[in-house]
PDB file of N, CA and C in Angstrom:
ATOM      1  N   MET A   1     121.636  25.224  93.234  1.00  0.00           N
ATOM      2  CA  MET A   1     122.013  26.300  92.339  1.00  0.00           C
ATOM      3  C   MET A   1     122.129  27.621  93.108  1.00  0.00           C
ATOM      4  N   ASN A   2     121.241  27.863  94.070  1.00  0.00           N
ATOM      5  CA  ASN A   2     121.341  28.990  94.985  1.00  0.00           C
ATOM      6  C   ASN A   2     121.443  30.344  94.284  1.00  0.00           C
ATOM      7  N   LEU A   3     120.506  30.638  93.398  1.00  0.00           N
ATOM      8  CA  LEU A   3     120.448  31.932  92.724  1.00  0.00           C
ATOM      9  C   LEU A   3     119.373  32.784  93.362  1.00  0.00           C
ATOM     10  N   LYS A   4     119.497  34.114  93.214  1.00  0.00           N
ATOM     11  CA  LYS A   4     118.515  35.032  93.781  1.00  0.00           C
ATOM     12  C   LYS A   4     118.292  36.171  92.794  1.00  0.00           C
ATOM     13  N   PRO A   5     117.187  36.890  92.952  1.00  0.00           N
ATOM     14  CA  PRO A   5     116.943  38.029  92.062  1.00  0.00           C
ATOM     15  C   PRO A   5     118.046  39.076  92.201  1.00  0.00           C
ATOM     16  N   ILE A   6     118.284  39.802  91.130  1.00  0.00           N
ATOM     17  CA  ILE A   6     119.259  40.891  91.150  1.00  0.00           C
ATOM     18  C   ILE A   6     118.492  42.148  91.546  1.00  0.00           C
ATOM     19  N   LYS A   7     118.824  42.703  92.704  1.00  0.00           N
ATOM     20  CA  LYS A   7     118.082  43.851  93.233  1.00  0.00           C
ATOM     21  C   LYS A   7     118.912  45.124  93.306  1.00  0.00           C
ATOM     22  N   THR A   8     120.231  44.996  93.355  1.00  0.00           N
ATOM     23  CA  THR A   8     121.088  46.176  93.519  1.00  0.00           C
ATOM     24  C   THR A   8     122.188  46.159  92.459  1.00  0.00           C
ATOM     25  N   GLU A   9     122.873  47.292  92.345  1.00  0.00           N
ATOM     26  CA  GLU A   9     124.010  47.358  91.426  1.00  0.00           C
ATOM     27  C   GLU A   9     125.112  46.391  91.841  1.00  0.00           C
ATOM     28  N   ALA A  10     125.283  46.207  93.140  1.00  0.00           N
ATOM     29  CA  ALA A  10     126.283  45.247  93.623  1.00  0.00           C
ATOM     30  C   ALA A  10     125.915  43.831  93.195  1.00  0.00           C
ATOM     31  N   ASP A  11     124.628  43.483  93.325  1.00  0.00           N
ATOM     32  CA  ASP A  11     124.169  42.167  92.851  1.00  0.00           C
ATOM     33  C   ASP A  11     124.419  42.030  91.350  1.00  0.00           C
ATOM     34  N   TYR A  12     124.144  43.101  90.625  1.00  0.00           N
ATOM     35  CA  TYR A  12     124.308  43.119  89.168  1.00  0.00           C
ATOM     36  C   TYR A  12     125.772  42.885  88.782  1.00  0.00           C
ATOM     37  N   ARG A  13     126.678  43.614  89.414  1.00  0.00           N
ATOM     38  CA  ARG A  13     128.111  43.443  89.121  1.00  0.00           C
ATOM     39  C   ARG A  13     128.585  42.029  89.470  1.00  0.00           C
ATOM     40  N   GLN A  14     128.078  41.505  90.561  1.00  0.00           N
ATOM     41  CA  GLN A  14     128.441  40.145  90.975  1.00  0.00           C
ATOM     42  C   GLN A  14     127.936  39.128  89.943  1.00  0.00           C
ATOM     43  N   ALA A  15     126.713  39.327  89.457  1.00  0.00           N
ATOM     44  CA  ALA A  15     126.152  38.423  88.451  1.00  0.00           C
ATOM     45  C   ALA A  15     126.955  38.496  87.160  1.00  0.00           C
ATOM     46  N   LEU A  16     127.352  39.703  86.761  1.00  0.00           N
ATOM     47  CA  LEU A  16     128.164  39.853  85.546  1.00  0.00           C
ATOM     48  C   LEU A  16     129.503  39.128  85.680  1.00  0.00           C
ATOM     49  N   ALA A  17     130.113  39.240  86.839  1.00  0.00           N
ATOM     50  CA  ALA A  17     131.386  38.549  87.079  1.00  0.00           C
ATOM     51  C   ALA A  17     131.199  37.036  87.008  1.00  0.00           C
ATOM     52  N   GLU A  18     130.102  36.556  87.549  1.00  0.00           N
ATOM     53  CA  GLU A  18     129.821  35.108  87.512  1.00  0.00           C
ATOM     54  C   GLU A  18     129.570  34.645  86.080  1.00  0.00           C
ATOM     55  N   VAL A  19     128.857  35.444  85.300  1.00  0.00           N
ATOM     56  CA  VAL A  19     128.620  35.097  83.895  1.00  0.00           C
ATOM     57  C   VAL A  19     129.952  35.032  83.136  1.00  0.00           C
ATOM     58  N   GLU A  20     130.817  35.970  83.411  1.00  0.00           N
ATOM     59  CA  GLU A  20     132.130  35.961  82.757  1.00  0.00           C
ATOM     60  C   GLU A  20     132.890  34.668  83.096  1.00  0.00           C
ATOM     61  N   ARG A  21     132.809  34.262  84.343  1.00  0.00           N
ATOM     62  CA  ARG A  21     133.486  33.034  84.766  1.00  0.00           C
ATOM     63  C   ARG A  21     132.890  31.802  84.087  1.00  0.00           C
ATOM     64  N   LEU A  22     131.570  31.808  83.904  1.00  0.00           N
ATOM     65  CA  LEU A  22     130.872  30.645  83.350  1.00  0.00           C
ATOM     66  C   LEU A  22     130.691  30.702  81.840  1.00  0.00           C
ATOM     67  N   PHE A  23     131.195  31.731  81.204  1.00  0.00           N
ATOM     68  CA  PHE A  23     130.869  32.019  79.807  1.00  0.00           C
ATOM     69  C   PHE A  23     131.013  30.824  78.857  1.00  0.00           C
ATOM     70  N   ASP A  24     132.005  30.012  79.031  1.00  0.00           N
ATOM     71  CA  ASP A  24     132.245  28.879  78.125  1.00  0.00           C
ATOM     72  C   ASP A  24     131.702  27.558  78.675  1.00  0.00           C
ATOM     73  N   ALA A  25     130.809  27.629  79.621  1.00  0.00           N
ATOM     74  CA  ALA A  25     130.253  26.403  80.207  1.00  0.00           C
ATOM     75  C   ALA A  25     129.434  25.643  79.173  1.00  0.00           C
ATOM     76  N   PRO A  26     129.609  24.335  79.112  1.00  0.00           N
ATOM     77  CA  PRO A  26     128.831  23.527  78.173  1.00  0.00           C
ATOM     78  C   PRO A  26     127.334  23.554  78.509  1.00  0.00           C
ATOM     79  N   VAL A  27     126.516  23.477  77.475  1.00  0.00           N
ATOM     80  CA  VAL A  27     125.059  23.439  77.639  1.00  0.00           C
ATOM     81  C   VAL A  27     124.666  22.143  78.355  1.00  0.00           C
ATOM     82  N   ASN A  28     123.577  22.199  79.086  1.00  0.00           N
ATOM     83  CA  ASN A  28     123.034  21.030  79.802  1.00  0.00           C
ATOM     84  C   ASN A  28     123.972  20.475  80.867  1.00  0.00           C
ATOM     85  N   THR A  29     124.733  21.380  81.485  1.00  0.00           N
ATOM     86  CA  THR A  29     125.546  21.022  82.646  1.00  0.00           C
ATOM     87  C   THR A  29     125.103  21.935  83.789  1.00  0.00           C
ATOM     88  N   THR A  30     125.554  21.664  84.980  1.00  0.00           N
ATOM     89  CA  THR A  30     125.202  22.521  86.115  1.00  0.00           C
ATOM     90  C   THR A  30     125.646  23.958  85.863  1.00  0.00           C
ATOM     91  N   ASP A  31     126.893  24.118  85.407  1.00  0.00           N
ATOM     92  CA  ASP A  31     127.388  25.474  85.111  1.00  0.00           C
ATOM     93  C   ASP A  31     126.647  26.097  83.929  1.00  0.00           C
ATOM     94  N   GLY A  32     126.342  25.301  82.935  1.00  0.00           N
ATOM     95  CA  GLY A  32     125.595  25.810  81.786  1.00  0.00           C
ATOM     96  C   GLY A  32     124.204  26.272  82.171  1.00  0.00           C
ATOM     97  N   ASP A  33     123.539  25.526  83.030  1.00  0.00           N
ATOM     98  CA  ASP A  33     122.215  25.919  83.512  1.00  0.00           C
ATOM     99  C   ASP A  33     122.308  27.195  84.352  1.00  0.00           C
ATOM    100  N   ARG A  34     123.324  27.256  85.185  1.00  0.00           N
ATOM    101  CA  ARG A  34     123.533  28.462  86.009  1.00  0.00           C
ATOM    102  C   ARG A  34     123.752  29.675  85.119  1.00  0.00           C
ATOM    103  N   LEU A  35     124.547  29.526  84.083  1.00  0.00           N
ATOM    104  CA  LEU A  35     124.800  30.610  83.133  1.00  0.00           C
ATOM    105  C   LEU A  35     123.497  31.076  82.482  1.00  0.00           C
ATOM    106  N   GLU A  36     122.677  30.137  82.068  1.00  0.00           N
ATOM    107  CA  GLU A  36     121.407  30.467  81.418  1.00  0.00           C
ATOM    108  C   GLU A  36     120.490  31.259  82.345  1.00  0.00           C
ATOM    109  N   VAL A  37     120.372  30.824  83.595  1.00  0.00           N
ATOM    110  CA  VAL A  37     119.519  31.510  84.565  1.00  0.00           C
ATOM    111  C   VAL A  37     120.081  32.898  84.883  1.00  0.00           C
ATOM    112  N   LEU A  38     121.384  32.989  85.076  1.00  0.00           N
ATOM    113  CA  LEU A  38     121.999  34.285  85.376  1.00  0.00           C
ATOM    114  C   LEU A  38     121.800  35.285  84.240  1.00  0.00           C
ATOM    115  N   THR A  39     121.965  34.840  82.998  1.00  0.00           N
ATOM    116  CA  THR A  39     121.790  35.764  81.876  1.00  0.00           C
ATOM    117  C   THR A  39     120.345  36.261  81.793  1.00  0.00           C
ATOM    118  N   THR A  40     119.403  35.408  82.121  1.00  0.00           N
ATOM    119  CA  THR A  40     118.002  35.827  82.148  1.00  0.00           C
ATOM    120  C   THR A  40     117.774  36.868  83.245  1.00  0.00           C
ATOM    121  N   LEU A  41     118.317  36.619  84.424  1.00  0.00           N
ATOM    122  CA  LEU A  41     118.180  37.576  85.523  1.00  0.00           C
ATOM    123  C   LEU A  41     118.838  38.915  85.170  1.00  0.00           C
ATOM    124  N   ILE A  42     119.990  38.862  84.526  1.00  0.00           N
ATOM    125  CA  ILE A  42     120.693  40.076  84.122  1.00  0.00           C
ATOM    126  C   ILE A  42     119.874  40.848  83.089  1.00  0.00           C
ATOM    127  N   GLU A  43     119.307  40.154  82.119  1.00  0.00           N
ATOM    128  CA  GLU A  43     118.474  40.815  81.107  1.00  0.00           C
ATOM    129  C   GLU A  43     117.314  41.564  81.745  1.00  0.00           C
ATOM    130  N   VAL A  44     116.635  40.927  82.685  1.00  0.00           N
ATOM    131  CA  VAL A  44     115.497  41.563  83.362  1.00  0.00           C
ATOM    132  C   VAL A  44     115.967  42.803  84.121  1.00  0.00           C
ATOM    133  N   TYR A  45     117.059  42.677  84.851  1.00  0.00           N
ATOM    134  CA  TYR A  45     117.582  43.814  85.618  1.00  0.00           C
ATOM    135  C   TYR A  45     117.965  44.962  84.689  1.00  0.00           C
ATOM    136  N   GLU A  46     118.654  44.649  83.573  1.00  0.00           N
ATOM    137  CA  GLU A  46     119.071  45.690  82.632  1.00  0.00           C
ATOM    138  C   GLU A  46     117.873  46.382  81.992  1.00  0.00           C
ATOM    139  N   GLU A  47     116.837  45.628  81.660  1.00  0.00           N
ATOM    140  CA  GLU A  47     115.640  46.236  81.075  1.00  0.00           C
ATOM    141  C   GLU A  47     115.010  47.232  82.044  1.00  0.00           C
ATOM    142  N   GLN A  48     115.064  46.932  83.331  1.00  0.00           N
ATOM    143  CA  GLN A  48     114.446  47.793  84.335  1.00  0.00           C
ATOM    144  C   GLN A  48     115.340  48.951  84.767  1.00  0.00           C
ATOM    145  N   HIS A  49     116.643  48.726  84.849  1.00  0.00           N
ATOM    146  CA  HIS A  49     117.545  49.727  85.428  1.00  0.00           C
ATOM    147  C   HIS A  49     118.518  50.368  84.436  1.00  0.00           C
ATOM    148  N   HIS A  50     118.738  49.742  83.305  1.00  0.00           N
ATOM    149  CA  HIS A  50     119.665  50.266  82.303  1.00  0.00           C
ATOM    150  C   HIS A  50     119.058  50.115  80.905  1.00  0.00           C
ATOM    151  N   PRO A  51     117.868  50.693  80.685  1.00  0.00           N
ATOM    152  CA  PRO A  51     117.225  50.503  79.378  1.00  0.00           C
ATOM    153  C   PRO A  51     118.038  51.172  78.266  1.00  0.00           C
ATOM    154  N   ILE A  52     118.012  50.550  77.117  1.00  0.00           N
ATOM    155  CA  ILE A  52     118.689  51.111  75.949  1.00  0.00           C
ATOM    156  C   ILE A  52     117.662  51.929  75.175  1.00  0.00           C
ATOM    157  N   GLU A  53     117.940  53.206  75.042  1.00  0.00           N
ATOM    158  CA  GLU A  53     117.032  54.084  74.336  1.00  0.00           C
ATOM    159  C   GLU A  53     117.242  53.948  72.827  1.00  0.00           C
ATOM    160  N   LEU A  54     116.161  54.162  72.089  1.00  0.00           N
ATOM    161  CA  LEU A  54     116.272  54.162  70.646  1.00  0.00           C
ATOM    162  C   LEU A  54     117.106  55.355  70.215  1.00  0.00           C
ATOM    163  N   PRO A  55     117.907  55.199  69.165  1.00  0.00           N
ATOM    164  CA  PRO A  55     118.708  56.336  68.711  1.00  0.00           C
ATOM    165  C   PRO A  55     117.828  57.407  68.084  1.00  0.00           C
ATOM    166  N   SER A  56     118.328  58.630  68.101  1.00  0.00           N
ATOM    167  CA  SER A  56     117.624  59.707  67.407  1.00  0.00           C
ATOM    168  C   SER A  56     117.769  59.461  65.908  1.00  0.00           C
ATOM    169  N   PRO A  57     116.934  60.095  65.092  1.00  0.00           N
ATOM    170  CA  PRO A  57     117.117  59.948  63.638  1.00  0.00           C
ATOM    171  C   PRO A  57     118.532  60.310  63.212  1.00  0.00           C
ATOM    172  N   TYR A  58     119.075  61.337  63.819  1.00  0.00           N
ATOM    173  CA  TYR A  58     120.433  61.787  63.512  1.00  0.00           C
ATOM    174  C   TYR A  58     121.452  60.678  63.799  1.00  0.00           C
ATOM    175  N   GLU A  59     121.369  60.079  64.996  1.00  0.00           N
ATOM    176  CA  GLU A  59     122.300  59.003  65.371  1.00  0.00           C
ATOM    177  C   GLU A  59     122.132  57.779  64.476  1.00  0.00           C
ATOM    178  N   ALA A  60     120.901  57.455  64.124  1.00  0.00           N
ATOM    179  CA  ALA A  60     120.649  56.309  63.253  1.00  0.00           C
ATOM    180  C   ALA A  60     121.248  56.529  61.875  1.00  0.00           C
ATOM    181  N   ILE A  61     121.116  57.734  61.358  1.00  0.00           N
ATOM    182  CA  ILE A  61     121.678  58.050  60.044  1.00  0.00           C
ATOM    183  C   ILE A  61     123.197  57.938  60.093  1.00  0.00           C
ATOM    184  N   LEU A  62     123.806  58.521  61.121  1.00  0.00           N
ATOM    185  CA  LEU A  62     125.266  58.428  61.233  1.00  0.00           C
ATOM    186  C   LEU A  62     125.730  56.980  61.275  1.00  0.00           C
ATOM    187  N   TYR A  63     125.045  56.161  62.047  1.00  0.00           N
ATOM    188  CA  TYR A  63     125.423  54.755  62.148  1.00  0.00           C
ATOM    189  C   TYR A  63     125.375  54.092  60.774  1.00  0.00           C
ATOM    190  N   HIS A  64     124.287  54.263  60.069  1.00  0.00           N
ATOM    191  CA  HIS A  64     124.144  53.619  58.770  1.00  0.00           C
ATOM    192  C   HIS A  64     125.133  54.154  57.749  1.00  0.00           C
ATOM    193  N   LEU A  65     125.381  55.440  57.776  1.00  0.00           N
ATOM    194  CA  LEU A  65     126.346  56.001  56.833  1.00  0.00           C
ATOM    195  C   LEU A  65     127.747  55.482  57.106  1.00  0.00           C
ATOM    196  N   GLU A  66     128.108  55.380  58.368  1.00  0.00           N
ATOM    197  CA  GLU A  66     129.446  54.900  58.712  1.00  0.00           C
ATOM    198  C   GLU A  66     129.613  53.414  58.432  1.00  0.00           C
ATOM    199  N   SER A  67     128.546  52.644  58.554  1.00  0.00           N
ATOM    200  CA  SER A  67     128.665  51.202  58.380  1.00  0.00           C
ATOM    201  C   SER A  67     128.425  50.738  56.946  1.00  0.00           C
ATOM    202  N   ARG A  68     127.876  51.599  56.112  1.00  0.00           N
ATOM    203  CA  ARG A  68     127.533  51.190  54.746  1.00  0.00           C
ATOM    204  C   ARG A  68     127.971  52.238  53.729  1.00  0.00           C
ATOM    205  N   GLN A  69     129.194  52.662  53.789  1.00  0.00           N
ATOM    206  CA  GLN A  69     129.658  53.737  52.924  1.00  0.00           C
ATOM    207  C   GLN A  69     129.480  53.483  51.434  1.00  0.00           C
ATOM    208  N   PRO A  70     129.638  52.258  50.930  1.00  0.00           N
ATOM    209  CA  PRO A  70     129.487  52.070  49.479  1.00  0.00           C
ATOM    210  C   PRO A  70     128.094  52.444  48.954  1.00  0.00           C
ATOM    211  N   SER A  71     127.111  52.382  49.808  1.00  0.00           N
ATOM    212  CA  SER A  71     125.757  52.654  49.326  1.00  0.00           C
ATOM    213  C   SER A  71     125.164  53.918  49.944  1.00  0.00           C
ATOM    214  N   VAL A  72     126.022  54.901  50.207  1.00  0.00           N
ATOM    215  CA  VAL A  72     125.574  56.121  50.862  1.00  0.00           C
ATOM    216  C   VAL A  72     124.487  56.824  50.060  1.00  0.00           C
ATOM    217  N   LEU A  73     124.690  56.983  48.780  1.00  0.00           N
ATOM    218  CA  LEU A  73     123.713  57.719  47.980  1.00  0.00           C
ATOM    219  C   LEU A  73     122.366  57.010  47.928  1.00  0.00           C
ATOM    220  N   SER A  74     122.374  55.701  47.774  1.00  0.00           N
ATOM    221  CA  SER A  74     121.092  54.986  47.757  1.00  0.00           C
ATOM    222  C   SER A  74     120.440  55.037  49.139  1.00  0.00           C
ATOM    223  N   PHE A  75     121.255  55.056  50.184  1.00  0.00           N
ATOM    224  CA  PHE A  75     120.722  55.177  51.538  1.00  0.00           C
ATOM    225  C   PHE A  75     120.044  56.539  51.718  1.00  0.00           C
ATOM    226  N   ILE A  76     120.692  57.589  51.254  1.00  0.00           N
ATOM    227  CA  ILE A  76     120.119  58.932  51.356  1.00  0.00           C
ATOM    228  C   ILE A  76     118.810  59.012  50.590  1.00  0.00           C
ATOM    229  N   ASP A  77     118.774  58.443  49.393  1.00  0.00           N
ATOM    230  CA  ASP A  77     117.519  58.425  48.622  1.00  0.00           C
ATOM    231  C   ASP A  77     116.416  57.708  49.396  1.00  0.00           C
ATOM    232  N   GLY A  78     116.752  56.606  50.039  1.00  0.00           N
ATOM    233  CA  GLY A  78     115.772  55.872  50.831  1.00  0.00           C
ATOM    234  C   GLY A  78     115.264  56.692  52.006  1.00  0.00           C
ATOM    235  N   LEU A  79     116.167  57.450  52.633  1.00  0.00           N
ATOM    236  CA  LEU A  79     115.744  58.316  53.740  1.00  0.00           C
ATOM    237  C   LEU A  79     114.740  59.358  53.262  1.00  0.00           C
ATOM    238  N   LYS A  80     115.031  59.937  52.125  1.00  0.00           N
ATOM    239  CA  LYS A  80     114.124  60.959  51.586  1.00  0.00           C
ATOM    240  C   LYS A  80     112.753  60.360  51.297  1.00  0.00           C
ATOM    241  N   ARG A  81     112.732  59.161  50.734  1.00  0.00           N
ATOM    242  CA  ARG A  81     111.456  58.507  50.440  1.00  0.00           C
ATOM    243  C   ARG A  81     110.679  58.208  51.721  1.00  0.00           C
ATOM    244  N   ARG A  82     111.396  58.026  52.829  1.00  0.00           N
ATOM    245  CA  ARG A  82     110.732  57.734  54.105  1.00  0.00           C
ATOM    246  C   ARG A  82     110.367  59.002  54.876  1.00  0.00           C
ATOM    247  N   GLY A  83     110.641  60.168  54.286  1.00  0.00           N
ATOM    248  CA  GLY A  83     110.221  61.417  54.899  1.00  0.00           C
ATOM    249  C   GLY A  83     111.208  62.054  55.857  1.00  0.00           C
ATOM    250  N   VAL A  84     112.454  61.584  55.880  1.00  0.00           N
ATOM    251  CA  VAL A  84     113.455  62.225  56.735  1.00  0.00           C
ATOM    252  C   VAL A  84     113.836  63.554  56.089  1.00  0.00           C
ATOM    253  N   SER A  85     113.867  64.601  56.888  1.00  0.00           N
ATOM    254  CA  SER A  85     114.129  65.934  56.340  1.00  0.00           C
ATOM    255  C   SER A  85     115.567  66.059  55.837  1.00  0.00           C
ATOM    256  N   GLU A  86     115.717  66.927  54.847  1.00  0.00           N
ATOM    257  CA  GLU A  86     117.054  67.156  54.294  1.00  0.00           C
ATOM    258  C   GLU A  86     117.966  67.786  55.340  1.00  0.00           C
ATOM    259  N   GLN A  87     117.386  68.559  56.255  1.00  0.00           N
ATOM    260  CA  GLN A  87     118.184  69.174  57.311  1.00  0.00           C
ATOM    261  C   GLN A  87     118.820  68.101  58.202  1.00  0.00           C
ATOM    262  N   VAL A  88     118.049  67.090  58.593  1.00  0.00           N
ATOM    263  CA  VAL A  88     118.586  66.010  59.433  1.00  0.00           C
ATOM    264  C   VAL A  88     119.654  65.245  58.658  1.00  0.00           C
ATOM    265  N   ILE A  89     119.394  64.981  57.386  1.00  0.00           N
ATOM    266  CA  ILE A  89     120.378  64.272  56.553  1.00  0.00           C
ATOM    267  C   ILE A  89     121.656  65.093  56.443  1.00  0.00           C
ATOM    268  N   GLN A  90     121.516  66.383  56.186  1.00  0.00           N
ATOM    269  CA  GLN A  90     122.687  67.244  56.031  1.00  0.00           C
ATOM    270  C   GLN A  90     123.499  67.322  57.320  1.00  0.00           C
ATOM    271  N   GLU A  91     122.823  67.419  58.463  1.00  0.00           N
ATOM    272  CA  GLU A  91     123.537  67.446  59.749  1.00  0.00           C
ATOM    273  C   GLU A  91     124.341  66.162  59.951  1.00  0.00           C
ATOM    274  N   ALA A  92     123.758  65.043  59.575  1.00  0.00           N
ATOM    275  CA  ALA A  92     124.472  63.768  59.711  1.00  0.00           C
ATOM    276  C   ALA A  92     125.672  63.728  58.779  1.00  0.00           C
ATOM    277  N   LEU A  93     125.471  64.190  57.552  1.00  0.00           N
ATOM    278  CA  LEU A  93     126.573  64.175  56.586  1.00  0.00           C
ATOM    279  C   LEU A  93     127.705  65.097  57.018  1.00  0.00           C
ATOM    280  N   ASN A  94     127.371  66.193  57.649  1.00  0.00           N
ATOM    281  CA  ASN A  94     128.392  67.129  58.113  1.00  0.00           C
ATOM    282  C   ASN A  94     129.316  66.508  59.156  1.00  0.00           C
ATOM    283  N   GLU A  95     128.865  65.446  59.826  1.00  0.00           N
ATOM    284  CA  GLU A  95     129.682  64.763  60.830  1.00  0.00           C
ATOM    285  C   GLU A  95     130.684  63.793  60.203  1.00  0.00           C
ATOM    286  N   LEU A  96     130.496  63.505  58.938  1.00  0.00           N
ATOM    287  CA  LEU A  96     131.348  62.516  58.289  1.00  0.00           C
ATOM    288  C   LEU A  96     132.454  63.182  57.480  1.00  0.00           C
ATOM    289  N   VAL A  97     133.548  62.497  57.348  1.00  0.00           N
ATOM    290  CA  VAL A  97     134.607  62.939  56.457  1.00  0.00           C
ATOM    291  C   VAL A  97     134.519  62.045  55.233  1.00  0.00           C
ATOM    292  N   ILE A  98     134.116  62.633  54.112  1.00  0.00           N
ATOM    293  CA  ILE A  98     133.982  61.860  52.881  1.00  0.00           C
ATOM    294  C   ILE A  98     135.023  62.392  51.908  1.00  0.00           C
ATOM    295  N   GLU A  99     136.020  61.590  51.634  1.00  0.00           N
ATOM    296  CA  GLU A  99     137.121  62.008  50.787  1.00  0.00           C
ATOM    297  C   GLU A  99     136.829  61.722  49.324  1.00  0.00           C
ATOM    298  N   ASN A 100     137.275  62.640  48.461  1.00  0.00           N
ATOM    299  CA  ASN A 100     137.203  62.477  47.006  1.00  0.00           C
ATOM    300  C   ASN A 100     135.788  62.262  46.492  1.00  0.00           C
ATOM    301  N   GLU A 101     134.812  62.754  47.190  1.00  0.00           N
ATOM    302  CA  GLU A 101     133.444  62.574  46.726  1.00  0.00           C
ATOM    303  C   GLU A 101     132.624  63.756  47.201  1.00  0.00           C
ATOM    304  N   GLU A 102     131.807  64.295  46.315  1.00  0.00           N
ATOM    305  CA  GLU A 102     130.946  65.390  46.687  1.00  0.00           C
ATOM    306  C   GLU A 102     129.519  64.876  46.667  1.00  0.00           C
ATOM    307  N   LEU A 103     128.821  65.080  47.742  1.00  0.00           N
ATOM    308  CA  LEU A 103     127.435  64.636  47.809  1.00  0.00           C
ATOM    309  C   LEU A 103     126.529  65.847  47.692  1.00  0.00           C
ATOM    310  N   ILE A 104     125.619  65.779  46.754  1.00  0.00           N
ATOM    311  CA  ILE A 104     124.651  66.850  46.582  1.00  0.00           C
ATOM    312  C   ILE A 104     123.287  66.294  46.912  1.00  0.00           C
ATOM    313  N   ILE A 105     122.601  66.951  47.817  1.00  0.00           N
ATOM    314  CA  ILE A 105     121.262  66.503  48.214  1.00  0.00           C
ATOM    315  C   ILE A 105     120.241  67.359  47.519  1.00  0.00           C
TER     316      ILE A 105
END
C-alpha cells in the first residue's frame, strides 16, 4: 500500500489528488482500502492544519435564515427564547433581502 503520514501542504495536495482518483473505488478492494486510509490521514491533517472554526452567532443566524425562509418568524422567536440579543438578530436580518414581508422584532 505504501502510505505515509501527511506532513506538508505538498503531501496534503498529493493525497487529495489521489483521493479524487480513487473516489469511486469499490469497498473491500485494494483501491478501496487505500481510499479509506488516505481519507483518515487527510482528516487528521485538516484537523491540525486547517481547523474549521465555529461560526459566530451572526453567521449562524444568517445561515439558518437563508436556508429556512418559510419559518423565519418561528426561528427568530426561538432565538429570542435562547437569549440571542435583538441587536444580533437585527444585524443578521439587515443582511437579507426579504421581499413583500415586513418583520417586526
